[in-house]
């Protein structure tokens, strides 16, 4: 059973805590470009697979990313809340209380 995310302050607090890590922001930035597997994210970001998996679990738990199975792989994509809050023109994720500017992140 999927959890329905109402946007209470507790939900936003969890999302903000998840986004407080530079590696997780890099993952979000990469997923803004395209859906990806753990191994593809690991290669693209030069982060060990174990660490990518750990960060993805945190992002998934708070509702920022989704996971789907394709063969033996798990493919990660951004959740609808992130897609709706993202401006590709400004490369900005606007959560109302704060904005994340992805064009300023280092690779």
Protein backbone atom coordinates (compact mmCIF):
# COMPACT_ATOMS: atom_id res chain seq x y z
CA UNK A 1 0.00 0.00 0.00
CA UNK A 2 1.45 3.34 -1.06
CA UNK A 3 1.53 6.15 1.42
CA UNK A 4 -0.26 9.28 0.35
CA UNK A 5 1.89 12.33 1.04
CA UNK A 6 -0.06 15.21 2.39
CA UNK A 7 2.15 18.20 2.66
CA UNK A 8 2.28 18.64 6.40
CA UNK A 9 5.18 20.38 8.09
CA UNK A 10 6.51 16.96 9.19
CA UNK A 11 6.65 15.77 5.56
CA UNK A 12 8.47 18.93 4.48
CA UNK A 13 10.87 18.65 7.40
CA UNK A 14 11.79 15.14 6.24
CA UNK A 15 12.25 16.34 2.66
CA UNK A 16 14.44 19.25 3.74
CA UNK A 17 16.58 16.97 5.90
CA UNK A 18 17.01 14.64 2.94
CA UNK A 19 18.04 17.53 0.69
CA UNK A 20 20.53 18.83 3.26
CA UNK A 21 23.18 16.43 1.94
CA UNK A 22 25.30 17.41 -1.09
CA UNK A 23 25.41 13.84 -2.45
CA UNK A 24 21.62 13.59 -2.37
CA UNK A 25 21.36 16.94 -4.16
CA UNK A 26 23.71 15.60 -6.83
CA UNK A 27 21.49 12.54 -7.20
CA UNK A 28 18.40 14.75 -7.59
CA UNK A 29 20.26 16.85 -10.16
CA UNK A 30 21.21 13.74 -12.14
CA UNK A 31 17.63 12.43 -11.98
CA UNK A 32 16.41 15.77 -13.32
CA UNK A 33 18.24 14.85 -16.53
CA UNK A 34 16.97 11.25 -16.79
CA UNK A 35 15.84 8.21 -14.82
CA UNK A 36 18.75 6.03 -13.77
CA UNK A 37 19.81 2.83 -12.05
CA UNK A 38 22.04 2.72 -8.99
CA UNK A 39 25.03 1.66 -11.08
CA UNK A 40 24.46 4.44 -13.64
CA UNK A 41 24.19 7.02 -10.84
CA UNK A 42 27.33 5.62 -9.25
CA UNK A 43 29.29 5.99 -12.48
CA UNK A 44 27.91 9.43 -13.34
CA UNK A 45 28.53 10.88 -9.87
CA UNK A 46 31.65 8.91 -8.94
CA UNK A 47 30.04 7.74 -5.70
CA UNK A 48 30.25 4.14 -4.48
CA UNK A 49 27.19 1.98 -5.19
CA UNK A 50 26.66 1.34 -1.47
CA UNK A 51 26.49 5.08 -0.76
CA UNK A 52 24.20 5.75 -3.75
CA UNK A 53 21.84 3.04 -2.49
CA UNK A 54 21.83 4.49 1.01
CA UNK A 55 21.09 8.01 -0.28
CA UNK A 56 18.37 6.75 -2.63
CA UNK A 57 16.65 4.94 0.24
CA UNK A 58 16.50 8.22 2.19
CA UNK A 59 15.16 10.10 -0.85
CA UNK A 60 12.60 7.37 -1.52
CA UNK A 61 11.46 7.19 2.11
CA UNK A 62 10.63 10.89 2.20
CA UNK A 63 8.84 10.80 -1.16
CA UNK A 64 11.34 12.62 -3.37
CA UNK A 65 12.16 9.69 -5.68
CA UNK A 66 10.32 6.65 -6.98
CA UNK A 67 11.69 3.22 -7.82
CA UNK A 68 10.54 0.77 -10.46
CA UNK A 69 11.82 -2.65 -11.44
CA UNK A 70 13.12 -3.26 -14.96
CA UNK A 71 14.52 -6.76 -15.30
CA UNK A 72 17.22 -7.15 -12.65
CA UNK A 73 17.64 -3.39 -12.21
CA UNK A 74 15.85 -0.85 -10.11
CA UNK A 75 15.33 2.41 -11.96
CA UNK A 76 14.93 5.61 -9.97
CA UNK A 77 13.00 8.67 -11.05
CA UNK A 78 11.82 11.87 -9.44
CA UNK A 79 8.48 11.88 -7.68
CA UNK A 80 5.59 14.01 -8.92
CA UNK A 81 6.13 16.52 -6.08
CA UNK A 82 9.65 17.22 -7.32
CA UNK A 83 8.58 17.36 -10.96
CA UNK A 84 5.81 19.85 -10.14
CA UNK A 85 8.13 22.01 -8.02
CA UNK A 86 10.98 22.14 -10.53
CA UNK A 87 11.49 24.93 -13.04
CA UNK A 88 13.75 23.72 -15.85
CA UNK A 89 14.05 27.27 -17.15
CA UNK A 90 15.63 28.45 -13.91
CA UNK A 91 16.97 25.03 -12.83
CA UNK A 92 15.31 25.63 -9.49
CA UNK A 93 13.38 23.36 -7.16
CA UNK A 94 10.97 25.67 -5.33
CA UNK A 95 9.52 24.10 -2.18
CA UNK A 96 7.78 27.29 -1.10
CA UNK A 97 9.87 27.71 2.02
CA UNK A 98 13.16 27.56 0.11
CA UNK A 99 14.66 27.11 -3.33
CA UNK A 100 17.38 24.75 -4.47
CA UNK A 101 19.36 26.10 -7.43
CA UNK A 102 20.82 23.14 -9.29
CA UNK A 103 22.83 25.14 -11.80
CA UNK A 104 25.20 26.11 -8.96
CA UNK A 105 26.04 22.58 -7.76
CA UNK A 106 29.49 21.26 -8.45
CA UNK A 107 29.75 17.91 -10.21
